[in-house]
Protein backbone atom coordinates (compact mmCIF):
# COMPACT_ATOMS: atom_id res chain seq x y z
CA MET A 1 18.95 8.75 60.52
CA LYS A 2 20.51 7.39 57.35
CA PRO A 3 20.02 8.86 53.86
CA GLU A 4 17.58 6.74 51.91
CA SER A 5 18.34 5.14 48.56
CA LEU A 6 15.89 6.63 46.11
CA THR A 7 17.60 5.85 42.80
CA PRO A 8 20.08 3.11 41.87
CA VAL A 9 23.36 4.97 41.45
CA ALA A 10 24.81 4.72 37.97
CA LYS A 11 28.30 3.36 37.45
CA GLY A 12 31.01 4.34 35.03
CA GLY A 13 31.54 8.03 35.77
CA ILE A 14 32.60 10.45 38.48
CA GLY A 15 29.17 12.03 38.70
CA GLY A 16 27.38 8.71 38.45
CA SER A 17 29.22 6.56 40.96
CA GLY A 18 30.24 9.05 43.61
CA GLU A 19 33.20 6.82 44.51
CA MET A 20 35.80 9.60 44.23
CA PHE A 21 33.88 11.80 46.64
CA ASP A 22 33.38 8.94 49.08
CA ALA A 23 37.14 9.07 49.63
CA ILE A 24 37.24 12.76 50.60
CA ALA A 25 33.85 13.19 52.30
CA HIS A 26 35.13 13.93 55.80
CA ARG A 27 37.67 16.45 54.51
CA TYR A 28 35.44 18.09 51.93
CA ASP A 29 34.09 21.04 53.93
CA ARG A 30 37.48 22.08 55.31
CA LEU A 31 39.12 21.81 51.90
CA ASN A 32 36.36 23.82 50.23
CA ARG A 33 36.69 26.67 52.72
CA ILE A 34 40.45 26.79 52.24
CA LEU A 35 40.48 26.39 48.46
CA SER A 36 37.74 28.98 47.92
CA MET A 37 39.33 31.33 50.49
CA GLY A 38 36.06 31.22 52.42
CA LEU A 39 33.99 32.58 49.52
CA ASP A 40 31.93 29.47 48.75
CA GLN A 41 29.18 30.13 51.30
CA GLY A 42 28.70 33.64 49.97
CA TRP A 43 28.31 32.23 46.46
CA ARG A 44 25.64 29.87 47.75
CA LYS A 45 23.71 32.75 49.34
CA THR A 46 23.86 34.66 46.06
CA THR A 47 22.37 31.62 44.33
CA LEU A 48 19.34 31.62 46.62
CA GLU A 49 18.82 35.35 46.12
CA LYS A 50 18.90 35.07 42.32
CA ILE A 51 16.40 32.21 42.10
CA GLY A 52 13.91 33.96 44.35
CA LEU A 53 13.51 31.15 46.87
CA ARG A 54 10.56 31.62 49.21
CA ASP A 55 8.55 29.76 51.81
CA GLY A 56 6.33 27.03 50.39
CA HIS A 57 8.66 26.13 47.53
CA LYS A 58 9.56 22.51 46.90
CA VAL A 59 13.30 22.38 46.23
CA LEU A 60 15.62 19.73 44.82
CA ASP A 61 19.32 20.22 45.56
CA LEU A 62 21.39 18.02 43.23
CA ALA A 63 24.97 16.99 44.05
CA THR A 64 24.08 18.12 47.55
CA GLY A 65 27.36 16.72 48.90
CA THR A 66 27.72 17.54 52.58
CA GLY A 67 24.49 19.53 52.49
CA ASP A 68 25.63 23.15 52.74
CA LEU A 69 23.29 24.54 50.08
CA ALA A 70 20.35 22.39 51.18
CA MET A 71 20.79 23.59 54.75
CA LEU A 72 20.90 27.23 53.66
CA GLN A 73 17.64 26.71 51.79
CA ALA A 74 16.04 25.27 54.92
CA ASN A 75 16.16 28.79 56.39
CA THR A 76 13.81 30.01 53.66
CA THR A 77 11.56 27.13 52.69
CA SER A 78 10.26 23.99 54.33
CA GLU A 79 10.65 21.12 51.86
CA ILE A 80 14.09 20.32 50.46
CA VAL A 81 15.34 17.08 48.93
CA GLY A 82 19.13 16.80 48.77
CA LEU A 83 20.34 14.16 46.30
CA ASP A 84 23.88 12.90 45.76
CA PRO A 85 25.63 9.79 44.34
CA SER A 86 28.10 9.56 47.24
CA ALA A 87 26.91 7.67 50.31
CA ASN A 88 29.77 8.99 52.43
CA MET A 89 29.07 12.60 51.52
CA LEU A 90 25.41 12.10 52.39
CA ALA A 91 26.37 10.56 55.74
CA VAL A 92 28.30 13.74 56.61
CA ALA A 93 25.36 15.84 55.42
CA GLN A 94 22.94 13.83 57.57
CA GLU A 95 25.09 14.42 60.66
CA LYS A 96 25.01 18.17 59.99
CA VAL A 97 21.27 18.21 59.32
CA ASP A 98 20.50 16.23 62.48
CA SER A 99 22.72 18.39 64.68
CA SER A 100 21.08 21.54 63.29
CA GLY A 101 17.59 20.30 64.12
CA ILE A 102 16.25 20.72 60.57
CA GLY A 103 15.66 17.06 59.78
CA ASP A 104 11.95 17.75 59.31
CA ARG A 105 12.73 20.11 56.41
CA VAL A 106 15.66 18.40 54.66
CA ARG A 107 15.41 14.88 53.23
CA LEU A 108 18.63 13.33 51.89
CA VAL A 109 18.59 10.63 49.22
CA LEU A 110 21.16 8.64 47.29
CA GLY A 111 20.63 9.06 43.56
CA ASP A 112 21.79 10.00 40.09
CA ALA A 113 21.20 13.46 38.58
CA GLN A 114 20.92 11.84 35.14
CA ASN A 115 17.98 9.65 36.16
CA LEU A 116 15.71 11.36 38.69
CA GLU A 117 12.87 9.30 40.08
CA PHE A 118 10.56 12.26 40.57
CA SER A 119 7.45 13.04 38.57
CA ASP A 120 7.32 15.76 35.93
CA ASN A 121 6.64 19.32 37.11
CA HIS A 122 7.29 18.47 40.75
CA PHE A 123 9.69 21.13 42.09
CA ASP A 124 9.58 24.92 42.21
CA ARG A 125 13.34 25.23 42.28
CA VAL A 126 16.35 23.02 41.47
CA THR A 127 19.85 23.88 42.63
CA ILE A 128 23.28 22.37 42.12
CA ALA A 129 26.52 23.80 43.50
CA PHE A 130 29.90 22.70 42.12
CA GLY A 131 28.41 19.51 40.74
CA ILE A 132 27.25 19.89 37.15
CA ARG A 133 30.78 19.44 35.79
CA ASN A 134 30.89 16.01 37.46
CA VAL A 135 27.75 14.68 35.76
CA PRO A 136 28.96 12.31 33.00
CA ASP A 137 26.10 13.17 30.62
CA ARG A 138 25.73 16.87 31.34
CA MET A 139 22.97 17.41 28.78
CA GLN A 140 20.90 14.60 30.26
CA GLY A 141 21.34 16.11 33.72
CA LEU A 142 20.09 19.48 32.45
CA LYS A 143 17.12 17.83 30.72
CA GLU A 144 16.19 16.11 33.97
CA MET A 145 16.26 19.45 35.79
CA VAL A 146 13.84 20.90 33.25
CA ARG A 147 11.57 17.85 33.44
CA VAL A 148 11.13 17.91 37.22
CA LEU A 149 10.66 21.69 37.42
CA LYS A 150 7.19 23.15 37.44
CA PRO A 151 6.32 25.54 34.60
CA GLY A 152 7.99 28.86 35.41
CA GLY A 153 10.32 27.13 37.87
CA MET A 154 13.97 28.11 38.13
CA ALA A 155 17.29 26.31 38.40
CA GLY A 156 20.39 27.78 40.02
CA ILE A 157 23.62 26.18 38.81
CA LEU A 158 26.74 27.32 40.63
CA GLU A 159 30.06 26.28 39.10
CA LEU A 160 33.76 27.07 39.24
CA ASN A 161 35.44 28.08 36.02
CA GLU A 162 38.50 29.82 34.65
CA PRO A 163 38.02 33.54 33.92
CA GLU A 164 38.10 34.14 30.20
CA ARG A 165 39.47 37.69 30.34
CA GLY A 166 40.33 40.54 32.69
CA VAL A 167 43.36 41.67 34.65
CA LEU A 168 43.01 38.84 37.17
CA SER A 169 42.50 36.08 34.60
CA ALA A 170 46.13 34.91 34.52
CA GLY A 171 46.40 34.84 38.31
CA ALA A 172 43.12 32.96 38.67
CA LYS A 173 44.21 30.36 36.12
CA LEU A 174 47.53 29.90 37.95
CA TYR A 175 45.66 29.40 41.22
CA ILE A 176 43.24 26.85 39.76
CA ARG A 177 45.79 24.93 37.68
CA LYS A 178 48.73 24.81 40.11
CA ILE A 179 47.85 25.89 43.63
CA VAL A 180 44.45 24.17 44.03
CA PRO A 181 45.81 20.66 43.23
CA TRP A 182 48.86 21.25 45.43
CA ILE A 183 46.83 22.41 48.46
CA GLY A 184 44.34 19.59 47.94
CA ALA A 185 47.11 16.99 47.81
CA VAL A 186 48.86 18.39 50.90
CA LEU A 187 45.70 18.57 53.01
CA SER A 188 43.93 15.46 51.82
CA GLY A 189 46.76 13.15 50.86
CA SER A 190 44.86 12.24 47.71
CA LYS A 191 44.78 12.97 43.98
CA GLU A 192 41.13 14.00 43.80
CA TYR A 193 41.94 17.70 43.59
CA ARG A 194 43.98 17.17 40.44
CA TYR A 195 40.68 16.07 38.95
CA LEU A 196 39.11 19.27 40.29
CA GLN A 197 41.59 21.41 38.38
CA GLU A 198 41.20 19.40 35.18
CA SER A 199 37.40 19.45 35.32
CA ILE A 200 37.31 23.22 35.86
CA ALA A 201 39.63 23.79 32.90
CA ALA A 202 37.44 21.56 30.70
CA PHE A 203 34.13 23.19 31.65
CA PRO A 204 32.41 25.12 28.81
CA ASN A 205 32.65 28.90 28.75
CA ASN A 206 29.61 30.87 29.89
CA HIS A 207 28.22 31.44 26.40
CA ASP A 208 28.46 27.77 25.45
CA PHE A 209 26.96 26.53 28.70
CA LYS A 210 24.01 28.88 28.38
CA GLY A 211 23.52 27.40 24.92
CA MET A 212 23.49 23.92 26.44
CA MET A 213 20.87 25.01 28.95
CA ARG A 214 18.61 26.31 26.22
CA ALA A 215 19.14 23.18 24.13
CA ALA A 216 18.13 21.10 27.18
CA GLY A 217 14.81 22.93 27.37
CA PHE A 218 15.25 26.03 29.52
CA ALA A 219 13.31 28.93 28.03
CA GLU A 220 15.76 31.42 29.54
CA ALA A 221 19.38 31.08 30.65
CA GLU A 222 21.53 33.76 32.28
CA ALA A 223 25.09 33.78 33.60
CA TYR A 224 26.33 35.85 36.55
CA PRO A 225 30.13 35.81 37.01
CA LEU A 226 31.16 36.00 40.68
CA THR A 227 34.47 37.04 42.24
CA PHE A 228 36.18 38.18 39.03
CA GLY A 229 34.80 35.18 37.14
CA VAL A 230 36.36 32.32 39.12
CA CYS A 231 32.80 31.17 39.84
CA THR A 232 29.65 31.59 37.75
CA LEU A 233 26.00 31.33 38.70
CA PHE A 234 23.81 30.11 35.84
CA VAL A 235 20.08 30.67 36.24
CA GLY A 236 17.66 28.81 34.00
CA THR A 237 13.90 29.32 33.82
CA LYS A 238 11.46 26.73 32.54
CA GLY A 239 8.80 28.00 30.16
CA THR A 240 5.23 28.43 31.36
């Protein structure tokens, strides 16, 4: 199977075009495991616990990439749409979905998080892991999440960030700013992981991002720092 093209993919931005991630698609999973020291899958499981995913939910996984979070959700519910702007990342995801025998539960589509071609109030849950910082118009992406969620629906937004304080803050910043780009360059032979470091450093702090979520239309927004704050899970709830 091939991922279908649901939405014309926007040009002019990392999150819109997906071209940068096309270049690293077949190395992405291995690099993520190494760079996160194997913690990324645990963060994804925490996301599903916090948003209360259950059987019967309709789920949209934005920036689905190689499909790890969408596939985890397939263990709990039966209707997941994974959307991403990178055709190559989706091709890797489709191979994983097909080999796992869950193709009847996970549908992969090429599309833009800023312009979702789904009706209002369609999904029970929306998730996005390590992708919101790549959306060129972050506020528009958040507004689209709110629009497609059913009243009372929840969004789980998992993102890397630099710890603001604490005894491990300096070490975490050193790792993100210096070691992550170096490991990425050595293992992938590309400059994409320099962008990773820069985008993490530029991401809003937890307080400001929760404010953005509320401004986009979420009635509630909470932040849960994970692993000493190097990763944060934001949970937004749409009003009833």
